[in-house]
Amino acid sequence: MVKKKVLVVEDDYAIAKGIETFLSSEGYDIKMATNGSEAMEFIETETFDLITLDVRMPGLNGGDVLRLIKGGVSKKPKIIYITVSPKEELNMEGVEDYIQKPFDNSDLLAKVKRIIG
């Protein structure tokens, strides 16, 4: 069975590492990027089933990364926004779901499973 590939994009290393460790233990193939530029390097060279995307990052933020994906990636991954903002403040166009910080990893896993299995 081929593992589903997930790119974790989060500028807070502790949060990113926690997500990486947890989703890896659940059988997902995880790559981790700590900023939008690093995320785009991965996205341009690899195919992902899902990206967990921090909305507020310095430099290329989550919205910037999402626009670049929409404009130039042939196989568009599913997106889960990770943010401190309430849903009402987000533009959810092109995003499957979101999770608000702080969150429980089991809640994130439920969303991941619902979206990509």
PDB file of N, CA and C in Angstrom:
ATOM      1  N   MET A   1       0.839  -1.184   0.000  1.00  0.00           N
ATOM      2  CA  MET A   1       0.000   0.000   0.000  1.00  0.00           C
ATOM      3  C   MET A   1       0.884   1.247   0.000  1.00  0.00           C
ATOM      4  N   VAL A   2       0.587   2.170  -0.895  1.00  0.00           N
ATOM      5  CA  VAL A   2       1.362   3.403  -0.999  1.00  0.00           C
ATOM      6  C   VAL A   2       0.876   4.379   0.068  1.00  0.00           C
ATOM      7  N   LYS A   3       1.829   4.944   0.793  1.00  0.00           N
ATOM      8  CA  LYS A   3       1.483   5.930   1.819  1.00  0.00           C
ATOM      9  C   LYS A   3       1.053   7.230   1.164  1.00  0.00           C
ATOM     10  N   LYS A   4       0.079   7.881   1.757  1.00  0.00           N
ATOM     11  CA  LYS A   4      -0.339   9.206   1.315  1.00  0.00           C
ATOM     12  C   LYS A   4       0.730  10.209   1.742  1.00  0.00           C
ATOM     13  N   LYS A   5       1.055  11.141   0.836  1.00  0.00           N
ATOM     14  CA  LYS A   5       2.100  12.136   1.110  1.00  0.00           C
ATOM     15  C   LYS A   5       1.483  13.437   1.604  1.00  0.00           C
ATOM     16  N   VAL A   6       2.003  13.911   2.724  1.00  0.00           N
ATOM     17  CA  VAL A   6       1.521  15.139   3.340  1.00  0.00           C
ATOM     18  C   VAL A   6       2.702  16.090   3.535  1.00  0.00           C
ATOM     19  N   LEU A   7       2.516  17.341   3.134  1.00  0.00           N
ATOM     20  CA  LEU A   7       3.498  18.390   3.400  1.00  0.00           C
ATOM     21  C   LEU A   7       2.972  19.242   4.540  1.00  0.00           C
ATOM     22  N   VAL A   8       3.735  19.304   5.615  1.00  0.00           N
ATOM     23  CA  VAL A   8       3.390  20.124   6.779  1.00  0.00           C
ATOM     24  C   VAL A   8       4.144  21.440   6.636  1.00  0.00           C
ATOM     25  N   VAL A   9       3.403  22.547   6.516  1.00  0.00           N
ATOM     26  CA  VAL A   9       4.011  23.873   6.371  1.00  0.00           C
ATOM     27  C   VAL A   9       3.615  24.688   7.598  1.00  0.00           C
ATOM     28  N   GLU A  10       4.592  24.944   8.443  1.00  0.00           N
ATOM     29  CA  GLU A  10       4.335  25.603   9.738  1.00  0.00           C
ATOM     30  C   GLU A  10       5.616  26.265  10.191  1.00  0.00           C
ATOM     31  N   ASP A  11       5.563  27.575  10.507  1.00  0.00           N
ATOM     32  CA  ASP A  11       6.780  28.282  10.907  1.00  0.00           C
ATOM     33  C   ASP A  11       7.167  28.042  12.367  1.00  0.00           C
ATOM     34  N   ASP A  12       6.264  27.519  13.169  1.00  0.00           N
ATOM     35  CA  ASP A  12       6.597  27.159  14.550  1.00  0.00           C
ATOM     36  C   ASP A  12       7.112  25.723  14.537  1.00  0.00           C
ATOM     37  N   TYR A  13       8.432  25.564  14.715  1.00  0.00           N
ATOM     38  CA  TYR A  13       9.057  24.249  14.569  1.00  0.00           C
ATOM     39  C   TYR A  13       8.448  23.209  15.505  1.00  0.00           C
ATOM     40  N   ALA A  14       8.134  23.588  16.732  1.00  0.00           N
ATOM     41  CA  ALA A  14       7.576  22.620  17.680  1.00  0.00           C
ATOM     42  C   ALA A  14       6.228  22.095  17.193  1.00  0.00           C
ATOM     43  N   ILE A  15       5.397  22.967  16.661  1.00  0.00           N
ATOM     44  CA  ILE A  15       4.103  22.534  16.134  1.00  0.00           C
ATOM     45  C   ILE A  15       4.315  21.645  14.909  1.00  0.00           C
ATOM     46  N   ALA A  16       5.190  22.082  13.996  1.00  0.00           N
ATOM     47  CA  ALA A  16       5.465  21.307  12.785  1.00  0.00           C
ATOM     48  C   ALA A  16       5.987  19.913  13.126  1.00  0.00           C
ATOM     49  N   LYS A  17       6.924  19.853  14.040  1.00  0.00           N
ATOM     50  CA  LYS A  17       7.506  18.563  14.417  1.00  0.00           C
ATOM     51  C   LYS A  17       6.462  17.668  15.078  1.00  0.00           C
ATOM     52  N   GLY A  18       5.594  18.254  15.899  1.00  0.00           N
ATOM     53  CA  GLY A  18       4.529  17.479  16.526  1.00  0.00           C
ATOM     54  C   GLY A  18       3.585  16.878  15.503  1.00  0.00           C
ATOM     55  N   ILE A  19       3.197  17.677  14.506  1.00  0.00           N
ATOM     56  CA  ILE A  19       2.323  17.175  13.445  1.00  0.00           C
ATOM     57  C   ILE A  19       3.034  16.088  12.656  1.00  0.00           C
ATOM     58  N   GLU A  20       4.291  16.343  12.308  1.00  0.00           N
ATOM     59  CA  GLU A  20       5.077  15.363  11.543  1.00  0.00           C
ATOM     60  C   GLU A  20       5.156  14.035  12.280  1.00  0.00           C
ATOM     61  N   THR A  21       5.505  14.089  13.550  1.00  0.00           N
ATOM     62  CA  THR A  21       5.653  12.866  14.343  1.00  0.00           C
ATOM     63  C   THR A  21       4.330  12.116  14.439  1.00  0.00           C
ATOM     64  N   PHE A  22       3.260  12.849  14.726  1.00  0.00           N
ATOM     65  CA  PHE A  22       1.952  12.214  14.904  1.00  0.00           C
ATOM     66  C   PHE A  22       1.446  11.599  13.600  1.00  0.00           C
ATOM     67  N   LEU A  23       1.470  12.355  12.502  1.00  0.00           N
ATOM     68  CA  LEU A  23       0.958  11.810  11.247  1.00  0.00           C
ATOM     69  C   LEU A  23       1.835  10.677  10.711  1.00  0.00           C
ATOM     70  N   SER A  24       3.140  10.757  10.950  1.00  0.00           N
ATOM     71  CA  SER A  24       4.025   9.653  10.565  1.00  0.00           C
ATOM     72  C   SER A  24       3.650   8.373  11.306  1.00  0.00           C
ATOM     73  N   SER A  25       3.334   8.515  12.585  1.00  0.00           N
ATOM     74  CA  SER A  25       2.958   7.338  13.388  1.00  0.00           C
ATOM     75  C   SER A  25       1.629   6.741  12.923  1.00  0.00           C
ATOM     76  N   GLU A  26       0.851   7.532  12.180  1.00  0.00           N
ATOM     77  CA  GLU A  26      -0.432   7.064  11.647  1.00  0.00           C
ATOM     78  C   GLU A  26      -0.293   6.527  10.215  1.00  0.00           C
ATOM     79  N   GLY A  27       0.948   6.464   9.714  1.00  0.00           N
ATOM     80  CA  GLY A  27       1.190   5.840   8.422  1.00  0.00           C
ATOM     81  C   GLY A  27       1.308   6.772   7.231  1.00  0.00           C
ATOM     82  N   TYR A  28       1.363   8.067   7.471  1.00  0.00           N
ATOM     83  CA  TYR A  28       1.507   9.022   6.377  1.00  0.00           C
ATOM     84  C   TYR A  28       2.982   9.311   6.115  1.00  0.00           C
ATOM     85  N   ASP A  29       3.305   9.581   4.854  1.00  0.00           N
ATOM     86  CA  ASP A  29       4.657   9.980   4.444  1.00  0.00           C
ATOM     87  C   ASP A  29       4.712  11.502   4.541  1.00  0.00           C
ATOM     88  N   ILE A  30       5.525  12.015   5.464  1.00  0.00           N
ATOM     89  CA  ILE A  30       5.510  13.438   5.800  1.00  0.00           C
ATOM     90  C   ILE A  30       6.792  14.132   5.372  1.00  0.00           C
ATOM     91  N   LYS A  31       6.616  15.313   4.781  1.00  0.00           N
ATOM     92  CA  LYS A  31       7.701  16.272   4.565  1.00  0.00           C
ATOM     93  C   LYS A  31       7.329  17.502   5.385  1.00  0.00           C
ATOM     94  N   MET A  32       8.332  18.227   5.825  1.00  0.00           N
ATOM     95  CA  MET A  32       8.086  19.378   6.676  1.00  0.00           C
ATOM     96  C   MET A  32       8.810  20.604   6.120  1.00  0.00           C
ATOM     97  N   ALA A  33       8.089  21.725   6.041  1.00  0.00           N
ATOM     98  CA  ALA A  33       8.669  23.002   5.623  1.00  0.00           C
ATOM     99  C   ALA A  33       8.334  24.027   6.699  1.00  0.00           C
ATOM    100  N   THR A  34       9.309  24.862   7.050  1.00  0.00           N
ATOM    101  CA  THR A  34       9.086  25.830   8.115  1.00  0.00           C
ATOM    102  C   THR A  34       8.831  27.248   7.589  1.00  0.00           C
ATOM    103  N   ASN A  35       8.697  27.381   6.259  1.00  0.00           N
ATOM    104  CA  ASN A  35       8.317  28.671   5.679  1.00  0.00           C
ATOM    105  C   ASN A  35       7.748  28.434   4.278  1.00  0.00           C
ATOM    106  N   GLY A  36       7.130  29.469   3.725  1.00  0.00           N
ATOM    107  CA  GLY A  36       6.480  29.341   2.430  1.00  0.00           C
ATOM    108  C   GLY A  36       7.434  29.071   1.284  1.00  0.00           C
ATOM    109  N   SER A  37       8.619  29.670   1.317  1.00  0.00           N
ATOM    110  CA  SER A  37       9.600  29.453   0.243  1.00  0.00           C
ATOM    111  C   SER A  37      10.068  28.002   0.215  1.00  0.00           C
ATOM    112  N   GLU A  38      10.343  27.453   1.386  1.00  0.00           N
ATOM    113  CA  GLU A  38      10.752  26.049   1.474  1.00  0.00           C
ATOM    114  C   GLU A  38       9.610  25.146   0.997  1.00  0.00           C
ATOM    115  N   ALA A  39       8.379  25.498   1.367  1.00  0.00           N
ATOM    116  CA  ALA A  39       7.222  24.720   0.927  1.00  0.00           C
ATOM    117  C   ALA A  39       7.146  24.690  -0.597  1.00  0.00           C
ATOM    118  N   MET A  40       7.334  25.842  -1.234  1.00  0.00           N
ATOM    119  CA  MET A  40       7.249  25.910  -2.688  1.00  0.00           C
ATOM    120  C   MET A  40       8.344  25.074  -3.352  1.00  0.00           C
ATOM    121  N   GLU A  41       9.521  25.006  -2.754  1.00  0.00           N
ATOM    122  CA  GLU A  41      10.584  24.153  -3.302  1.00  0.00           C
ATOM    123  C   GLU A  41      10.124  22.702  -3.335  1.00  0.00           C
ATOM    124  N   PHE A  42       9.501  22.234  -2.250  1.00  0.00           N
ATOM    125  CA  PHE A  42       8.978  20.863  -2.211  1.00  0.00           C
ATOM    126  C   PHE A  42       7.853  20.686  -3.230  1.00  0.00           C
ATOM    127  N   ILE A  43       6.930  21.645  -3.274  1.00  0.00           N
ATOM    128  CA  ILE A  43       5.749  21.549  -4.132  1.00  0.00           C
ATOM    129  C   ILE A  43       6.139  21.519  -5.604  1.00  0.00           C
ATOM    130  N   GLU A  44       7.202  22.222  -5.960  1.00  0.00           N
ATOM    131  CA  GLU A  44       7.645  22.260  -7.350  1.00  0.00           C
ATOM    132  C   GLU A  44       8.339  20.981  -7.789  1.00  0.00           C
ATOM    133  N   THR A  45       8.815  20.169  -6.837  1.00  0.00           N
ATOM    134  CA  THR A  45       9.566  18.963  -7.204  1.00  0.00           C
ATOM    135  C   THR A  45       8.877  17.651  -6.807  1.00  0.00           C
ATOM    136  N   GLU A  46       7.848  17.721  -5.977  1.00  0.00           N
ATOM    137  CA  GLU A  46       7.175  16.512  -5.512  1.00  0.00           C
ATOM    138  C   GLU A  46       5.658  16.691  -5.601  1.00  0.00           C
ATOM    139  N   THR A  47       4.951  15.577  -5.537  1.00  0.00           N
ATOM    140  CA  THR A  47       3.493  15.596  -5.540  1.00  0.00           C
ATOM    141  C   THR A  47       3.005  15.209  -4.160  1.00  0.00           C
ATOM    142  N   PHE A  48       2.075  15.988  -3.628  1.00  0.00           N
ATOM    143  CA  PHE A  48       1.518  15.730  -2.298  1.00  0.00           C
ATOM    144  C   PHE A  48       0.017  15.519  -2.414  1.00  0.00           C
ATOM    145  N   ASP A  49      -0.488  14.631  -1.568  1.00  0.00           N
ATOM    146  CA  ASP A  49      -1.928  14.411  -1.496  1.00  0.00           C
ATOM    147  C   ASP A  49      -2.597  15.517  -0.693  1.00  0.00           C
ATOM    148  N   LEU A  50      -1.870  16.033   0.307  1.00  0.00           N
ATOM    149  CA  LEU A  50      -2.429  17.021   1.224  1.00  0.00           C
ATOM    150  C   LEU A  50      -1.326  17.935   1.731  1.00  0.00           C
ATOM    151  N   ILE A  51      -1.687  19.190   1.963  1.00  0.00           N
ATOM    152  CA  ILE A  51      -0.777  20.135   2.612  1.00  0.00           C
ATOM    153  C   ILE A  51      -1.505  20.728   3.802  1.00  0.00           C
ATOM    154  N   THR A  52      -0.866  20.653   4.981  1.00  0.00           N
ATOM    155  CA  THR A  52      -1.352  21.422   6.125  1.00  0.00           C
ATOM    156  C   THR A  52      -0.582  22.732   6.065  1.00  0.00           C
ATOM    157  N   LEU A  53      -1.305  23.831   5.949  1.00  0.00           N
ATOM    158  CA  LEU A  53      -0.691  25.109   5.590  1.00  0.00           C
ATOM    159  C   LEU A  53      -0.985  26.180   6.626  1.00  0.00           C
ATOM    160  N   ASP A  54       0.064  26.603   7.332  1.00  0.00           N
ATOM    161  CA  ASP A  54      -0.056  27.706   8.286  1.00  0.00           C
ATOM    162  C   ASP A  54      -0.403  28.977   7.508  1.00  0.00           C
ATOM    163  N   VAL A  55      -1.405  29.685   7.973  1.00  0.00           N
ATOM    164  CA  VAL A  55      -1.852  30.894   7.276  1.00  0.00           C
ATOM    165  C   VAL A  55      -0.878  32.039   7.500  1.00  0.00           C
ATOM    166  N   ARG A  56      -0.472  32.247   8.749  1.00  0.00           N
ATOM    167  CA  ARG A  56       0.364  33.410   9.090  1.00  0.00           C
ATOM    168  C   ARG A  56       1.815  32.994   9.281  1.00  0.00           C
ATOM    169  N   MET A  57       2.600  33.254   8.234  1.00  0.00           N
ATOM    170  CA  MET A  57       4.042  33.002   8.283  1.00  0.00           C
ATOM    171  C   MET A  57       4.734  34.230   7.721  1.00  0.00           C
ATOM    172  N   PRO A  58       5.960  34.506   8.174  1.00  0.00           N
ATOM    173  CA  PRO A  58       6.709  35.611   7.566  1.00  0.00           C
ATOM    174  C   PRO A  58       7.103  35.260   6.132  1.00  0.00           C
ATOM    175  N   GLY A  59       7.324  36.268   5.317  1.00  0.00           N
ATOM    176  CA  GLY A  59       7.677  36.013   3.911  1.00  0.00           C
ATOM    177  C   GLY A  59       6.446  35.544   3.160  1.00  0.00           C
ATOM    178  N   LEU A  60       6.577  34.421   2.441  1.00  0.00           N
ATOM    179  CA  LEU A  60       5.427  33.831   1.755  1.00  0.00           C
ATOM    180  C   LEU A  60       4.494  33.253   2.811  1.00  0.00           C
ATOM    181  N   ASN A  61       3.316  33.840   2.960  1.00  0.00           N
ATOM    182  CA  ASN A  61       2.381  33.311   3.954  1.00  0.00           C
ATOM    183  C   ASN A  61       1.504  32.234   3.313  1.00  0.00           C
ATOM    184  N   GLY A  62       0.591  31.679   4.090  1.00  0.00           N
ATOM    185  CA  GLY A  62      -0.253  30.609   3.586  1.00  0.00           C
ATOM    186  C   GLY A  62      -1.089  31.004   2.378  1.00  0.00           C
ATOM    187  N   GLY A  63      -1.636  32.211   2.394  1.00  0.00           N
ATOM    188  CA  GLY A  63      -2.409  32.691   1.246  1.00  0.00           C
ATOM    189  C   GLY A  63      -1.562  32.800  -0.007  1.00  0.00           C
ATOM    190  N   ASP A  64      -0.318  33.274   0.141  1.00  0.00           N
ATOM    191  CA  ASP A  64       0.601  33.377  -0.996  1.00  0.00           C
ATOM    192  C   ASP A  64       0.897  31.994  -1.574  1.00  0.00           C
ATOM    193  N   VAL A  65       1.191  31.042  -0.682  1.00  0.00           N
ATOM    194  CA  VAL A  65       1.487  29.677  -1.127  1.00  0.00           C
ATOM    195  C   VAL A  65       0.278  29.097  -1.853  1.00  0.00           C
ATOM    196  N   LEU A  66      -0.911  29.296  -1.300  1.00  0.00           N
ATOM    197  CA  LEU A  66      -2.131  28.786  -1.925  1.00  0.00           C
ATOM    198  C   LEU A  66      -2.306  29.371  -3.326  1.00  0.00           C
ATOM    199  N   ARG A  67      -2.100  30.667  -3.493  1.00  0.00           N
ATOM    200  CA  ARG A  67      -2.222  31.297  -4.814  1.00  0.00           C
ATOM    201  C   ARG A  67      -1.207  30.709  -5.801  1.00  0.00           C
ATOM    202  N   LEU A  68       0.013  30.463  -5.348  1.00  0.00           N
ATOM    203  CA  LEU A  68       1.032  29.878  -6.224  1.00  0.00           C
ATOM    204  C   LEU A  68       0.667  28.456  -6.625  1.00  0.00           C
ATOM    205  N   ILE A  69       0.115  27.710  -5.699  1.00  0.00           N
ATOM    206  CA  ILE A  69      -0.325  26.339  -6.007  1.00  0.00           C
ATOM    207  C   ILE A  69      -1.439  26.376  -7.044  1.00  0.00           C
ATOM    208  N   LYS A  70      -2.430  27.225  -6.832  1.00  0.00           N
ATOM    209  CA  LYS A  70      -3.561  27.327  -7.762  1.00  0.00           C
ATOM    210  C   LYS A  70      -3.098  27.717  -9.161  1.00  0.00           C
ATOM    211  N   GLY A  71      -2.091  28.589  -9.215  1.00  0.00           N
ATOM    212  CA  GLY A  71      -1.653  29.107 -10.496  1.00  0.00           C
ATOM    213  C   GLY A  71      -0.679  28.243 -11.255  1.00  0.00           C
ATOM    214  N   GLY A  72       0.031  27.341 -10.580  1.00  0.00           N
ATOM    215  CA  GLY A  72       1.093  26.684 -11.312  1.00  0.00           C
ATOM    216  C   GLY A  72       1.382  25.227 -11.019  1.00  0.00           C
ATOM    217  N   VAL A  73       0.603  24.579 -10.187  1.00  0.00           N
ATOM    218  CA  VAL A  73       0.874  23.175  -9.876  1.00  0.00           C
ATOM    219  C   VAL A  73      -0.137  22.321 -10.617  1.00  0.00           C
ATOM    220  N   SER A  74       0.355  21.363 -11.406  1.00  0.00           N
ATOM    221  CA  SER A  74      -0.560  20.573 -12.233  1.00  0.00           C
ATOM    222  C   SER A  74      -1.475  19.669 -11.399  1.00  0.00           C
ATOM    223  N   LYS A  75      -0.921  18.951 -10.441  1.00  0.00           N
ATOM    224  CA  LYS A  75      -1.752  18.112  -9.574  1.00  0.00           C
ATOM    225  C   LYS A  75      -1.927  18.863  -8.264  1.00  0.00           C
ATOM    226  N   LYS A  76      -3.090  19.441  -8.100  1.00  0.00           N
ATOM    227  CA  LYS A  76      -3.342  20.300  -6.943  1.00  0.00           C
ATOM    228  C   LYS A  76      -3.638  19.462  -5.708  1.00  0.00           C
ATOM    229  N   PRO A  77      -2.839  19.630  -4.658  1.00  0.00           N
ATOM    230  CA  PRO A  77      -3.079  18.891  -3.420  1.00  0.00           C
ATOM    231  C   PRO A  77      -4.274  19.466  -2.671  1.00  0.00           C
ATOM    232  N   LYS A  78      -4.832  18.671  -1.797  1.00  0.00           N
ATOM    233  CA  LYS A  78      -5.865  19.144  -0.882  1.00  0.00           C
ATOM    234  C   LYS A  78      -5.167  20.001   0.172  1.00  0.00           C
ATOM    235  N   ILE A  79      -5.883  20.992   0.717  1.00  0.00           N
ATOM    236  CA  ILE A  79      -5.290  21.931   1.672  1.00  0.00           C
ATOM    237  C   ILE A  79      -6.117  21.980   2.949  1.00  0.00           C
ATOM    238  N   ILE A  80      -5.423  21.918   4.079  1.00  0.00           N
ATOM    239  CA  ILE A  80      -6.016  22.230   5.377  1.00  0.00           C
ATOM    240  C   ILE A  80      -5.249  23.425   5.921  1.00  0.00           C
ATOM    241  N   TYR A  81      -5.951  24.545   6.110  1.00  0.00           N
ATOM    242  CA  TYR A  81      -5.335  25.706   6.741  1.00  0.00           C
ATOM    243  C   TYR A  81      -5.168  25.441   8.237  1.00  0.00           C
ATOM    244  N   ILE A  82      -4.042  25.885   8.770  1.00  0.00           N
ATOM    245  CA  ILE A  82      -3.807  25.869  10.211  1.00  0.00           C
ATOM    246  C   ILE A  82      -3.620  27.328  10.616  1.00  0.00           C
ATOM    247  N   THR A  83      -4.418  27.780  11.575  1.00  0.00           N
ATOM    248  CA  THR A  83      -4.412  29.211  11.867  1.00  0.00           C
ATOM    249  C   THR A  83      -4.895  29.525  13.273  1.00  0.00           C
ATOM    250  N   VAL A  84      -4.531  30.689  13.754  1.00  0.00           N
ATOM    251  CA  VAL A  84      -5.081  31.192  15.015  1.00  0.00           C
ATOM    252  C   VAL A  84      -6.370  31.963  14.745  1.00  0.00           C
ATOM    253  N   SER A  85      -6.607  32.306  13.491  1.00  0.00           N
ATOM    254  CA  SER A  85      -7.777  33.110  13.118  1.00  0.00           C
ATOM    255  C   SER A  85      -9.051  32.269  13.095  1.00  0.00           C
ATOM    256  N   PRO A  86     -10.180  32.879  13.441  1.00  0.00           N
ATOM    257  CA  PRO A  86     -11.446  32.168  13.278  1.00  0.00           C
ATOM    258  C   PRO A  86     -11.783  32.035  11.790  1.00  0.00           C
ATOM    259  N   LYS A  87     -12.577  31.039  11.465  1.00  0.00           N
ATOM    260  CA  LYS A  87     -12.923  30.742  10.072  1.00  0.00           C
ATOM    261  C   LYS A  87     -13.502  31.959   9.352  1.00  0.00           C
ATOM    262  N   GLU A  88     -14.250  32.773  10.065  1.00  0.00           N
ATOM    263  CA  GLU A  88     -14.898  33.934   9.461  1.00  0.00           C
ATOM    264  C   GLU A  88     -13.893  34.920   8.875  1.00  0.00           C
ATOM    265  N   GLU A  89     -12.664  34.911   9.346  1.00  0.00           N
ATOM    266  CA  GLU A  89     -11.641  35.844   8.867  1.00  0.00           C
ATOM    267  C   GLU A  89     -10.852  35.285   7.684  1.00  0.00           C
ATOM    268  N   LEU A  90     -11.130  34.050   7.275  1.00  0.00           N
ATOM    269  CA  LEU A  90     -10.327  33.394   6.247  1.00  0.00           C
ATOM    270  C   LEU A  90     -11.033  33.376   4.904  1.00  0.00           C
ATOM    271  N   ASN A  91     -10.254  33.432   3.842  1.00  0.00           N
ATOM    272  CA  ASN A  91     -10.763  33.150   2.515  1.00  0.00           C
ATOM    273  C   ASN A  91     -10.559  31.656   2.302  1.00  0.00           C
ATOM    274  N   MET A  92     -11.642  30.912   2.305  1.00  0.00           N
ATOM    275  CA  MET A  92     -11.561  29.454   2.244  1.00  0.00           C
ATOM    276  C   MET A  92     -11.624  28.917   0.810  1.00  0.00           C
ATOM    277  N   GLU A  93     -11.609  29.793  -0.179  1.00  0.00           N
ATOM    278  CA  GLU A  93     -11.646  29.341  -1.566  1.00  0.00           C
ATOM    279  C   GLU A  93     -10.398  28.528  -1.892  1.00  0.00           C
ATOM    280  N   GLY A  94     -10.586  27.293  -2.354  1.00  0.00           N
ATOM    281  CA  GLY A  94      -9.471  26.418  -2.683  1.00  0.00           C
ATOM    282  C   GLY A  94      -8.930  25.644  -1.506  1.00  0.00           C
ATOM    283  N   VAL A  95      -9.588  25.745  -0.357  1.00  0.00           N
ATOM    284  CA  VAL A  95      -9.147  25.063   0.861  1.00  0.00           C
ATOM    285  C   VAL A  95     -10.239  24.074   1.280  1.00  0.00           C
ATOM    286  N   GLU A  96      -9.848  22.849   1.576  1.00  0.00           N
ATOM    287  CA  GLU A  96     -10.834  21.836   1.960  1.00  0.00           C
ATOM    288  C   GLU A  96     -11.354  22.044   3.373  1.00  0.00           C
ATOM    289  N   ASP A  97     -10.468  22.449   4.289  1.00  0.00           N
ATOM    290  CA  ASP A  97     -10.862  22.588   5.687  1.00  0.00           C
ATOM    291  C   ASP A  97      -9.830  23.452   6.394  1.00  0.00           C
ATOM    292  N   TYR A  98     -10.082  23.713   7.652  1.00  0.00           N
ATOM    293  CA  TYR A  98      -9.125  24.454   8.465  1.00  0.00           C
ATOM    294  C   TYR A  98      -9.199  23.899   9.882  1.00  0.00           C
ATOM    295  N   ILE A  99      -8.155  24.189  10.644  1.00  0.00           N
ATOM    296  CA  ILE A  99      -8.146  23.854  12.058  1.00  0.00           C
ATOM    297  C   ILE A  99      -7.536  25.040  12.789  1.00  0.00           C
ATOM    298  N   GLN A 100      -8.154  25.400  13.886  1.00  0.00           N
ATOM    299  CA  GLN A 100      -7.727  26.588  14.621  1.00  0.00           C
ATOM    300  C   GLN A 100      -6.777  26.192  15.752  1.00  0.00           C
ATOM    301  N   LYS A 101      -5.683  26.950  15.870  1.00  0.00           N
ATOM    302  CA  LYS A 101      -4.717  26.741  16.952  1.00  0.00           C
ATOM    303  C   LYS A 101      -5.285  27.307  18.241  1.00  0.00           C
ATOM    304  N   PRO A 102      -5.007  26.706  19.358  1.00  0.00           N
ATOM    305  CA  PRO A 102      -4.362  25.402  19.529  1.00  0.00           C
ATOM    306  C   PRO A 102      -5.353  24.292  19.185  1.00  0.00           C
ATOM    307  N   PHE A 103      -4.838  23.159  18.735  1.00  0.00           N
ATOM    308  CA  PHE A 103      -5.694  22.048  18.349  1.00  0.00           C
ATOM    309  C   PHE A 103      -5.104  20.745  18.877  1.00  0.00           C
ATOM    310  N   ASP A 104      -5.944  19.749  18.909  1.00  0.00           N
ATOM    311  CA  ASP A 104      -5.533  18.407  19.312  1.00  0.00           C
ATOM    312  C   ASP A 104      -5.181  17.634  18.042  1.00  0.00           C
ATOM    313  N   ASN A 105      -4.074  16.898  18.073  1.00  0.00           N
ATOM    314  CA  ASN A 105      -3.659  16.144  16.891  1.00  0.00           C
ATOM    315  C   ASN A 105      -4.721  15.160  16.419  1.00  0.00           C
ATOM    316  N   SER A 106      -5.515  14.631  17.330  1.00  0.00           N
ATOM    317  CA  SER A 106      -6.562  13.689  16.915  1.00  0.00           C
ATOM    318  C   SER A 106      -7.623  14.399  16.072  1.00  0.00           C
ATOM    319  N   ASP A 107      -7.887  15.674  16.343  1.00  0.00           N
ATOM    320  CA  ASP A 107      -8.823  16.441  15.517  1.00  0.00           C
ATOM    321  C   ASP A 107      -8.249  16.657  14.119  1.00  0.00           C
ATOM    322  N   LEU A 108      -6.958  16.974  14.053  1.00  0.00           N
ATOM    323  CA  LEU A 108      -6.302  17.127  12.752  1.00  0.00           C
ATOM    324  C   LEU A 108      -6.332  15.807  11.993  1.00  0.00           C
ATOM    325  N   LEU A 109      -6.024  14.710  12.669  1.00  0.00           N
ATOM    326  CA  LEU A 109      -6.033  13.395  12.019  1.00  0.00           C
ATOM    327  C   LEU A 109      -7.411  13.076  11.451  1.00  0.00           C
ATOM    328  N   ALA A 110      -8.463  13.388  12.164  1.00  0.00           N
ATOM    329  CA  ALA A 110      -9.817  13.133  11.665  1.00  0.00           C
ATOM    330  C   ALA A 110     -10.054  13.887  10.353  1.00  0.00           C
ATOM    331  N   LYS A 111      -9.594  15.121  10.283  1.00  0.00           N
ATOM    332  CA  LYS A 111      -9.751  15.920   9.068  1.00  0.00           C
ATOM    333  C   LYS A 111      -8.918  15.322   7.926  1.00  0.00           C
ATOM    334  N   VAL A 112      -7.681  14.939   8.219  1.00  0.00           N
ATOM    335  CA  VAL A 112      -6.805  14.343   7.205  1.00  0.00           C
ATOM    336  C   VAL A 112      -7.444  13.071   6.656  1.00  0.00           C
ATOM    337  N   LYS A 113      -7.917  12.205   7.533  1.00  0.00           N
ATOM    338  CA  LYS A 113      -8.535  10.950   7.095  1.00  0.00           C
ATOM    339  C   LYS A 113      -9.784  11.209   6.266  1.00  0.00           C
ATOM    340  N   ARG A 114     -10.573  12.186   6.658  1.00  0.00           N
ATOM    341  CA  ARG A 114     -11.791  12.497   5.909  1.00  0.00           C
ATOM    342  C   ARG A 114     -11.461  12.998   4.501  1.00  0.00           C
ATOM    343  N   ILE A 115     -10.376  13.743   4.372  1.00  0.00           N
ATOM    344  CA  ILE A 115     -10.042  14.365   3.088  1.00  0.00           C
ATOM    345  C   ILE A 115      -9.257  13.434   2.164  1.00  0.00           C
ATOM    346  N   ILE A 116      -8.261  12.716   2.684  1.00  0.00           N
ATOM    347  CA  ILE A 116      -7.431  11.868   1.807  1.00  0.00           C
ATOM    348  C   ILE A 116      -7.392  10.399   2.193  1.00  0.00           C
ATOM    349  N   GLY A 117      -8.030  10.050   3.281  1.00  0.00           N
ATOM    350  CA  GLY A 117      -8.061   8.640   3.681  1.00  0.00           C
ATOM    351  C   GLY A 117      -6.942   8.248   4.600  1.00  0.00           C
TER     352      GLY A 117
END
